[in-house]
Amino acid sequence: MTLVAILLYLSLTALATPTPLHLLTPQLLSLPPTLAPLNQSTPVPPNATTLTARAQCFIQPQDPRAPRLFDADHNDCLVAVRLLPAATTPYTFGRRPDAQVRLPYARSFRTCKVIIDIMDEMETERLRWVDICDTLEAPRGVLNRCLGQVVLPSLGGRTSVGERGAMQAIVVGQAWRAGAAG
């Protein structure tokens, strides 16, 4: 099943079932983590910078009809993030034909896929590639909060990027077998 088919399935089942795919929002030194459905993102305060946006970690869906998520290796994800352009020049990101960077945009390495997308077809966001990479690698970013933790499954997660939070940086695991090309 392709990633597009999985995302389409998840969005359709979100309407039919109460919580097909859950996000895990880990708390430092807290009691059990809070669960929230994928289609209910935590709002980012309007004055939040990209580095203060909180990562939401994926957990395996309980619905047996939902696709199973793959583990993502932290080191593979570091490489996948570094495969994104390292540009420090601001670009306009969006799905519109006039956007400098057309979304969705994805890079992968072995067990990890990084997807940059925007939720609204007409929305655009202006930021630098380096801001996206920094957000993913920040102490509260997806790579540090959702991968390589003993208490969390390493299934990836998502976070808002950009000043308005209209864009999402998503990290997911993907099937990969040792010996296959990266």
Protein backbone atom coordinates (compact mmCIF):
# COMPACT_ATOMS: atom_id res chain seq x y z
CA MET A 1 0.00 0.00 0.00
CA THR A 2 1.48 3.37 -0.95
CA LEU A 3 1.85 6.22 1.52
CA VAL A 4 -0.85 8.20 -0.29
CA ALA A 5 -3.24 5.25 -0.01
CA ILE A 6 -2.45 4.86 3.69
CA LEU A 7 -3.03 8.57 4.37
CA LEU A 8 -6.27 8.48 2.37
CA TYR A 9 -7.43 5.39 4.28
CA LEU A 10 -6.58 7.03 7.60
CA SER A 11 -8.46 10.21 6.72
CA LEU A 12 -11.52 8.22 5.62
CA THR A 13 -11.49 6.00 8.71
CA ALA A 14 -11.10 9.07 10.90
CA LEU A 15 -14.61 10.00 9.84
CA ALA A 16 -15.98 6.48 10.39
CA THR A 17 -14.25 5.51 13.64
CA PRO A 18 -13.55 7.54 16.74
CA THR A 19 -9.77 7.07 16.85
CA PRO A 20 -8.20 5.01 14.01
CA LEU A 21 -4.71 6.43 14.47
CA HIS A 22 -3.65 7.98 17.71
CA LEU A 23 -1.02 10.55 18.47
CA LEU A 24 0.95 10.25 21.62
CA THR A 25 1.95 13.52 23.24
CA PRO A 26 4.64 12.51 25.71
CA GLN A 27 5.04 14.50 28.89
CA LEU A 28 8.41 14.79 30.56
CA LEU A 29 8.30 13.22 34.03
CA SER A 30 4.58 12.66 33.88
CA LEU A 31 1.99 9.98 34.40
CA PRO A 32 0.73 8.01 31.37
CA PRO A 33 0.87 9.93 28.06
CA THR A 34 -2.20 11.67 26.68
CA LEU A 35 -3.79 10.23 23.55
CA ALA A 36 -5.40 12.29 20.82
CA PRO A 37 -6.76 11.27 17.40
CA LEU A 38 -4.69 12.11 14.32
CA ASN A 39 -7.31 14.50 13.00
CA GLN A 40 -7.21 16.63 16.17
CA SER A 41 -3.92 18.49 16.25
CA THR A 42 -2.78 20.56 19.18
CA PRO A 43 -3.10 24.23 18.19
CA VAL A 44 0.17 26.15 18.02
CA PRO A 45 0.06 29.54 19.76
CA PRO A 46 0.21 32.38 17.21
CA ASN A 47 3.46 33.71 18.70
CA ALA A 48 5.18 30.30 18.74
CA THR A 49 8.38 29.89 16.80
CA THR A 50 9.05 26.75 14.82
CA LEU A 51 11.34 25.47 17.56
CA THR A 52 8.65 25.67 20.24
CA ALA A 53 6.04 23.70 18.30
CA ARG A 54 5.33 20.45 20.12
CA ALA A 55 5.77 17.14 18.39
CA GLN A 56 2.89 14.68 18.39
CA CYS A 57 4.05 11.06 18.34
CA PHE A 58 2.22 8.27 16.55
CA ILE A 59 1.11 5.09 18.26
CA GLN A 60 -0.14 1.90 16.63
CA PRO A 61 -3.88 2.13 15.81
CA GLN A 62 -6.19 -0.20 17.72
CA ASP A 63 -8.54 -0.64 14.77
CA PRO A 64 -7.61 -3.97 13.10
CA ARG A 65 -8.67 -2.54 9.70
CA ALA A 66 -6.14 0.30 9.94
CA PRO A 67 -2.75 -0.18 8.31
CA ARG A 68 0.04 -1.11 10.70
CA LEU A 69 2.70 1.54 11.17
CA PHE A 70 6.38 0.68 10.71
CA ASP A 71 9.17 1.46 13.17
CA ALA A 72 11.50 4.27 12.15
CA ASP A 73 15.14 4.19 13.22
CA HIS A 74 16.37 7.45 14.79
CA ASN A 75 19.66 7.41 12.84
CA ASP A 76 17.86 6.72 9.55
CA CYS A 77 15.61 9.70 10.27
CA LEU A 78 18.60 11.94 10.94
CA VAL A 79 19.89 11.03 7.47
CA ALA A 80 16.44 11.56 5.89
CA VAL A 81 16.19 15.04 7.46
CA ARG A 82 19.66 15.87 6.18
CA LEU A 83 18.53 14.87 2.67
CA LEU A 84 16.16 17.86 2.74
CA PRO A 85 17.69 20.96 1.14
CA ALA A 86 19.90 22.92 3.56
CA ALA A 87 18.85 26.27 2.10
CA THR A 88 18.89 29.36 4.30
CA THR A 89 16.95 31.40 1.74
CA PRO A 90 13.20 31.73 2.42
CA TYR A 91 10.90 29.97 -0.04
CA THR A 92 7.13 29.96 -0.51
CA PHE A 93 5.78 26.46 0.21
CA GLY A 94 2.35 25.32 -0.91
CA ARG A 95 0.25 23.20 -3.26
CA ARG A 96 -0.57 26.11 -5.56
CA PRO A 97 1.18 26.30 -8.95
CA ASP A 98 2.87 29.58 -8.00
CA ALA A 99 4.57 28.12 -4.90
CA GLN A 100 8.35 27.93 -5.14
CA VAL A 101 8.31 24.54 -3.37
CA ARG A 102 5.35 22.37 -4.38
CA LEU A 103 3.95 20.21 -1.59
CA PRO A 104 3.76 17.45 -0.56
CA TYR A 105 7.53 17.00 -0.55
CA ALA A 106 9.18 13.83 0.78
CA ARG A 107 12.63 12.36 1.35
CA SER A 108 13.41 8.94 2.73
CA PHE A 109 16.32 6.88 3.92
CA ARG A 110 16.01 3.20 4.78
CA THR A 111 13.40 2.87 7.58
CA CYS A 112 12.42 6.55 7.66
CA LYS A 113 10.36 8.91 5.50
CA VAL A 114 10.05 12.67 6.08
CA ILE A 115 7.04 14.36 4.49
CA ILE A 116 6.45 18.11 4.33
CA ASP A 117 2.87 19.04 3.54
CA ILE A 118 0.31 21.77 3.95
CA MET A 119 -3.28 21.13 4.95
CA ASP A 120 -5.08 23.71 2.81
CA GLU A 121 -4.82 23.64 -0.98
CA MET A 122 -4.76 27.45 -1.21
CA GLU A 123 -2.56 28.15 1.83
CA THR A 124 1.11 29.06 1.50
CA GLU A 125 3.85 29.46 4.08
CA ARG A 126 7.14 31.30 3.69
CA LEU A 127 10.12 29.86 5.52
CA ARG A 128 13.57 28.37 5.08
CA TRP A 129 14.39 24.68 4.66
CA VAL A 130 16.80 24.99 7.55
CA ASP A 131 13.85 26.02 9.79
CA ILE A 132 12.06 22.76 8.95
CA CYS A 133 15.17 20.69 9.67
CA ASP A 134 15.82 22.56 12.94
CA THR A 135 12.21 22.02 14.02
CA LEU A 136 12.44 18.27 13.42
CA GLU A 137 15.77 17.99 15.26
CA ALA A 138 14.94 20.40 18.12
CA PRO A 139 14.81 19.06 21.70
CA ARG A 140 11.00 19.08 21.49
CA GLY A 141 11.02 17.97 17.83
CA VAL A 142 9.77 14.72 16.36
CA LEU A 143 13.19 13.06 16.17
CA ASN A 144 14.01 13.61 19.85
CA ARG A 145 10.54 13.13 21.33
CA CYS A 146 9.13 10.34 19.18
CA LEU A 147 12.10 8.20 18.13
CA GLY A 148 14.67 6.29 20.12
CA GLN A 149 12.76 6.57 23.39
CA VAL A 150 12.41 3.47 25.53
CA VAL A 151 8.88 4.41 26.68
CA LEU A 152 7.52 5.26 23.20
CA PRO A 153 7.17 3.13 20.10
CA SER A 154 9.43 4.50 17.35
CA LEU A 155 6.63 5.04 14.84
CA GLY A 156 7.32 8.70 14.08
CA GLY A 157 5.14 11.74 14.56
CA ARG A 158 4.32 15.18 13.25
CA THR A 159 4.75 18.81 14.13
CA SER A 160 3.66 22.17 12.78
CA VAL A 161 6.26 24.25 10.96
CA GLY A 162 6.21 27.86 9.89
CA GLU A 163 4.96 30.94 11.67
CA ARG A 164 1.27 30.26 11.04
CA GLY A 165 1.59 26.52 11.64
CA ALA A 166 -0.17 25.76 8.35
CA MET A 167 2.50 23.26 7.31
CA GLN A 168 3.21 19.88 8.84
CA ALA A 169 6.50 18.01 9.01
CA ILE A 170 5.68 14.31 9.31
CA VAL A 171 8.11 11.51 10.11
CA VAL A 172 6.96 7.93 9.51
CA GLY A 173 8.56 4.53 9.41
CA GLN A 174 8.60 2.56 6.20
CA ALA A 175 9.35 -1.01 5.20
CA TRP A 176 13.02 -1.64 4.55
CA ARG A 177 15.10 -4.76 4.57
CA ALA A 178 18.80 -4.96 5.37
CA GLY A 179 20.89 -5.12 2.21
CA ALA A 180 18.39 -3.04 0.19
CA ALA A 181 19.51 0.25 -1.32
CA GLY A 182 18.94 3.30 0.95
